[in-house]
N, C-alpha and C. Protein backbone atom coordinates (compact mmCIF):
# COMPACT_ATOMS: atom_id res chain seq x y z
N UNK A 1 -13.53 -10.19 3.96
CA UNK A 1 -13.04 -9.53 3.37
C UNK A 1 -12.38 -9.51 1.85
N UNK A 2 -12.15 -8.41 0.52
CA UNK A 2 -11.46 -8.90 0.22
C UNK A 2 -10.74 -7.49 -0.49
N UNK A 3 -8.72 -7.96 -0.92
CA UNK A 3 -7.63 -7.46 -0.91
C UNK A 3 -7.32 -6.55 -2.75
N UNK A 4 -6.46 -6.07 -2.69
CA UNK A 4 -6.51 -5.59 -4.24
C UNK A 4 -5.25 -6.12 -4.26
N UNK A 5 -4.04 -6.31 -5.23
CA UNK A 5 -2.80 -6.32 -5.46
C UNK A 5 -2.32 -5.38 -6.80
N UNK A 6 -1.85 -4.28 -5.54
CA UNK A 6 -1.46 -3.08 -6.64
C UNK A 6 -0.40 -3.26 -7.80
N UNK A 7 0.14 -2.88 -8.84
CA UNK A 7 1.89 -3.48 -9.18
C UNK A 7 3.13 -2.76 -9.00
N UNK A 8 2.48 -1.07 -8.31
CA UNK A 8 3.30 -0.33 -7.44
C UNK A 8 4.24 -1.75 -6.31
N UNK A 9 5.24 -1.34 -6.50
CA UNK A 9 6.46 -1.64 -5.34
C UNK A 9 7.40 -0.55 -5.43
N UNK A 10 8.36 -1.22 -4.44
CA UNK A 10 9.65 -0.41 -4.25
C UNK A 10 10.31 -1.34 -3.91
N UNK A 11 11.47 -1.14 -4.61
CA UNK A 11 12.63 -1.37 -4.60
C UNK A 11 13.97 -0.90 -3.16
N UNK A 12 14.25 -2.69 -2.75
CA UNK A 12 15.70 -1.73 -1.83
C UNK A 12 16.78 -3.32 -2.59
N UNK A 13 17.45 -2.17 -1.41
CA UNK A 13 18.66 -2.69 -1.09
C UNK A 13 19.53 -3.61 -0.09
N UNK A 14 19.94 -4.93 0.38
CA UNK A 14 20.16 -5.35 1.42
C UNK A 14 21.28 -6.08 1.11
N UNK A 15 22.11 -6.24 2.70
CA UNK A 15 23.60 -6.98 2.24
C UNK A 15 23.38 -8.26 2.71
N UNK A 16 23.91 -9.03 2.58
CA UNK A 16 24.11 -10.35 2.66
C UNK A 16 25.18 -11.16 2.56
N UNK A 17 25.16 -12.49 3.55
CA UNK A 17 26.65 -13.00 3.29
C UNK A 17 26.27 -14.41 3.14
N UNK A 18 27.01 -15.31 3.54
CA UNK A 18 26.38 -16.37 4.75
C UNK A 18 25.90 -16.42 5.84
N UNK A 19 26.33 -16.36 6.00
CA UNK A 19 25.35 -16.48 7.94
C UNK A 19 24.04 -15.41 7.91
N UNK A 20 23.70 -14.98 6.82
CA UNK A 20 22.36 -14.26 6.73
C UNK A 20 22.69 -13.33 5.84
N UNK A 21 21.47 -11.80 6.43
CA UNK A 21 21.34 -10.46 6.24
C UNK A 21 22.19 -9.65 6.80
N UNK A 22 22.59 -8.71 6.66
CA UNK A 22 22.66 -6.93 7.70
C UNK A 22 21.63 -7.10 7.99
N UNK A 23 20.99 -6.93 9.37
CA UNK A 23 20.24 -6.34 10.12
C UNK A 23 21.07 -4.93 11.08
N UNK A 24 20.07 -3.81 11.54
CA UNK A 24 20.50 -3.25 12.50
C UNK A 24 19.35 -3.36 13.76
N UNK A 25 19.49 -4.14 14.52
CA UNK A 25 18.70 -4.47 15.66
C UNK A 25 19.47 -4.42 17.42
N UNK A 26 18.17 -3.01 18.14
CA UNK A 26 18.94 -3.04 19.10
C UNK A 26 19.98 -2.14 19.34
N UNK A 27 19.76 -1.12 18.42
CA UNK A 27 21.02 -0.27 18.22
C UNK A 27 21.94 -0.63 17.27
N UNK A 28 22.87 -1.94 17.15
CA UNK A 28 23.85 -2.64 16.67
C UNK A 28 23.45 -3.14 15.50
N UNK A 29 24.44 -3.29 14.12
CA UNK A 29 24.53 -4.20 13.39
C UNK A 29 24.92 -5.95 13.98
N UNK A 30 23.97 -6.77 13.26
CA UNK A 30 24.17 -8.00 13.28
C UNK A 30 23.95 -8.80 12.36
N UNK A 31 24.43 -10.23 11.83
CA UNK A 31 24.55 -10.67 10.71
C UNK A 31 22.55 -12.18 11.47
N UNK A 32 21.60 -11.94 10.67
CA UNK A 32 20.61 -12.94 11.04
C UNK A 32 19.65 -12.91 10.00
N UNK A 33 18.71 -13.73 9.94
CA UNK A 33 18.62 -14.30 8.58
C UNK A 33 16.80 -13.68 9.35
N UNK A 34 16.55 -13.13 10.25
CA UNK A 34 15.45 -12.45 9.92
C UNK A 34 15.23 -11.36 8.90
N UNK A 35 14.56 -11.17 8.58
CA UNK A 35 14.14 -10.37 7.31
C UNK A 35 13.38 -9.31 7.94
N UNK A 36 13.30 -9.03 9.36
CA UNK A 36 12.01 -7.98 9.45
C UNK A 36 13.00 -7.00 10.32
N UNK A 37 14.15 -7.56 10.53
CA UNK A 37 15.27 -6.65 11.01
C UNK A 37 16.23 -5.31 9.78
N UNK A 38 16.12 -6.28 8.31
CA UNK A 38 16.49 -5.63 7.62
C UNK A 38 17.27 -4.14 7.05
N UNK A 39 18.95 -4.11 7.09
CA UNK A 39 19.17 -2.92 7.41
C UNK A 39 18.87 -3.05 5.29
N UNK A 40 18.09 -1.70 5.18
CA UNK A 40 18.07 -1.36 3.70
C UNK A 40 18.72 -0.33 3.39
N UNK A 41 18.90 -0.65 1.66
CA UNK A 41 19.85 0.67 0.84
C UNK A 41 18.72 1.09 0.22
N UNK A 42 18.68 2.04 -0.15
CA UNK A 42 17.46 2.83 -1.23
C UNK A 42 18.26 3.46 -2.48
N UNK A 43 19.70 2.93 -2.59
CA UNK A 43 20.28 3.27 -4.21
C UNK A 43 21.54 2.36 -3.51
N UNK A 44 21.21 1.58 -4.84
CA UNK A 44 22.71 0.88 -5.20
C UNK A 44 24.00 1.57 -5.20
N UNK A 45 24.20 2.75 -4.94
CA UNK A 45 25.99 3.44 -4.94
C UNK A 45 25.65 3.33 -3.52
N UNK A 46 24.71 3.65 -2.17
CA UNK A 46 24.96 2.95 -1.16
C UNK A 46 25.07 1.73 -0.49
N UNK A 47 25.05 0.91 -1.18
CA UNK A 47 24.42 -0.46 -0.72
C UNK A 47 26.25 -0.92 -1.19
N UNK A 48 26.25 -0.35 -2.09
CA UNK A 48 27.88 -0.55 -2.21
C UNK A 48 28.82 0.16 -1.65
N UNK A 49 28.75 1.14 -1.33
CA UNK A 49 29.86 1.87 -0.45
C UNK A 49 29.35 1.09 1.30
N UNK A 50 28.14 0.74 1.67
CA UNK A 50 28.11 -0.31 2.87
C UNK A 50 29.10 -1.40 2.61
N UNK A 51 28.52 -1.94 1.58
CA UNK A 51 28.85 -3.59 0.96
C UNK A 51 31.23 -3.67 1.36
N UNK A 52 31.70 -2.25 1.28
CA UNK A 52 32.86 -2.30 1.38
C UNK A 52 33.40 -2.24 2.42
N UNK A 53 32.48 -0.66 3.59
CA UNK A 53 33.21 -0.88 4.96
C UNK A 53 32.22 -2.33 5.36
N UNK A 54 31.52 -3.09 5.13
CA UNK A 54 31.44 -3.66 6.42
C UNK A 54 32.11 -5.31 5.36
N UNK A 55 32.80 -5.59 4.79
CA UNK A 55 33.46 -7.23 4.16
C UNK A 55 34.98 -7.21 5.12
N UNK A 56 34.94 -6.15 5.71
CA UNK A 56 36.40 -6.66 6.67
C UNK A 56 35.71 -7.27 8.31
N UNK A 57 34.27 -7.10 8.55
CA UNK A 57 33.54 -6.86 9.84
C UNK A 57 33.17 -8.44 9.50
N UNK A 58 32.52 -8.39 8.50
CA UNK A 58 31.75 -9.76 7.91
C UNK A 58 32.05 -10.59 7.13
N UNK A 59 32.90 -9.84 6.31
CA UNK A 59 33.14 -10.77 5.46
C UNK A 59 32.89 -10.84 3.40
N UNK A 60 32.56 -12.16 2.63
CA UNK A 60 32.37 -11.88 1.30
C UNK A 60 30.75 -10.65 1.52
N UNK A 61 30.09 -10.38 0.90
CA UNK A 61 29.10 -9.94 1.14
C UNK A 61 28.55 -9.87 -0.32
N UNK A 62 26.95 -9.89 -0.86
CA UNK A 62 27.38 -9.88 -1.67
C UNK A 62 25.77 -8.77 -1.59
N UNK A 63 25.28 -8.14 -2.69
CA UNK A 63 24.21 -6.69 -2.39
C UNK A 63 22.83 -7.88 -3.00
N UNK A 64 21.86 -7.86 -2.51
CA UNK A 64 20.33 -8.48 -2.58
C UNK A 64 19.38 -7.64 -2.90
N UNK A 65 17.95 -6.90 -3.91
CA UNK A 65 17.20 -6.92 -4.24
C UNK A 65 16.45 -7.09 -3.74
N UNK A 66 15.71 -5.93 -2.85
CA UNK A 66 14.92 -6.87 -2.21
C UNK A 66 13.68 -5.35 -2.32
N UNK A 67 12.04 -6.42 -2.85
CA UNK A 67 11.12 -5.93 -3.13
C UNK A 67 10.65 -5.58 -2.02
N UNK A 68 9.54 -5.20 -1.85
CA UNK A 68 8.50 -4.48 -1.01
C UNK A 68 7.49 -3.92 -1.87
N UNK A 69 5.93 -5.08 -1.49
CA UNK A 69 4.43 -4.25 -2.55
C UNK A 69 4.12 -3.66 -1.30
N UNK A 70 3.27 -3.01 -2.42
CA UNK A 70 1.62 -2.24 -1.00
C UNK A 70 0.59 -3.46 -2.21
N UNK A 71 0.64 -3.70 -0.81
CA UNK A 71 -0.94 -4.96 -1.78
C UNK A 71 -2.45 -4.08 -0.89
N UNK A 72 -2.12 -2.85 -1.17
CA UNK A 72 -3.50 -2.33 -0.94
C UNK A 72 -3.50 -1.71 0.44
N UNK A 73 -5.44 -0.79 0.39
CA UNK A 73 -5.76 -0.88 1.68
C UNK A 73 -6.06 -1.69 2.23
N UNK A 74 -6.20 -2.19 3.24
CA UNK A 74 -7.68 -2.78 4.32
C UNK A 74 -8.27 -1.82 5.06
N UNK A 75 -9.23 -2.41 4.61
CA UNK A 75 -10.41 -1.72 4.60
C UNK A 75 -11.11 -2.12 6.78
N UNK A 76 -11.39 -1.85 7.74
CA UNK A 76 -11.10 -2.00 8.69
C UNK A 76 -12.76 -1.70 8.86
N UNK A 77 -13.15 -2.18 9.72
CA UNK A 77 -14.97 -2.34 9.36
C UNK A 77 -15.02 -2.79 11.58
């Protein structure tokens, strides 16, 4: 089976600290290294606002770009 990689991609923003990334898991926010549960923001402005809201709870946060790639259609036979 052959896959075609397309150039289409989506860019989101995530918040990261020394302890991991801001995740939304089980109905609550937590810091985790599991990138499957990242809380993603679709604009840098929303990430900036959340950063200022969450820094008092989680310490110094960085805004990180997260790129999601569409690697194409999967043909299931």
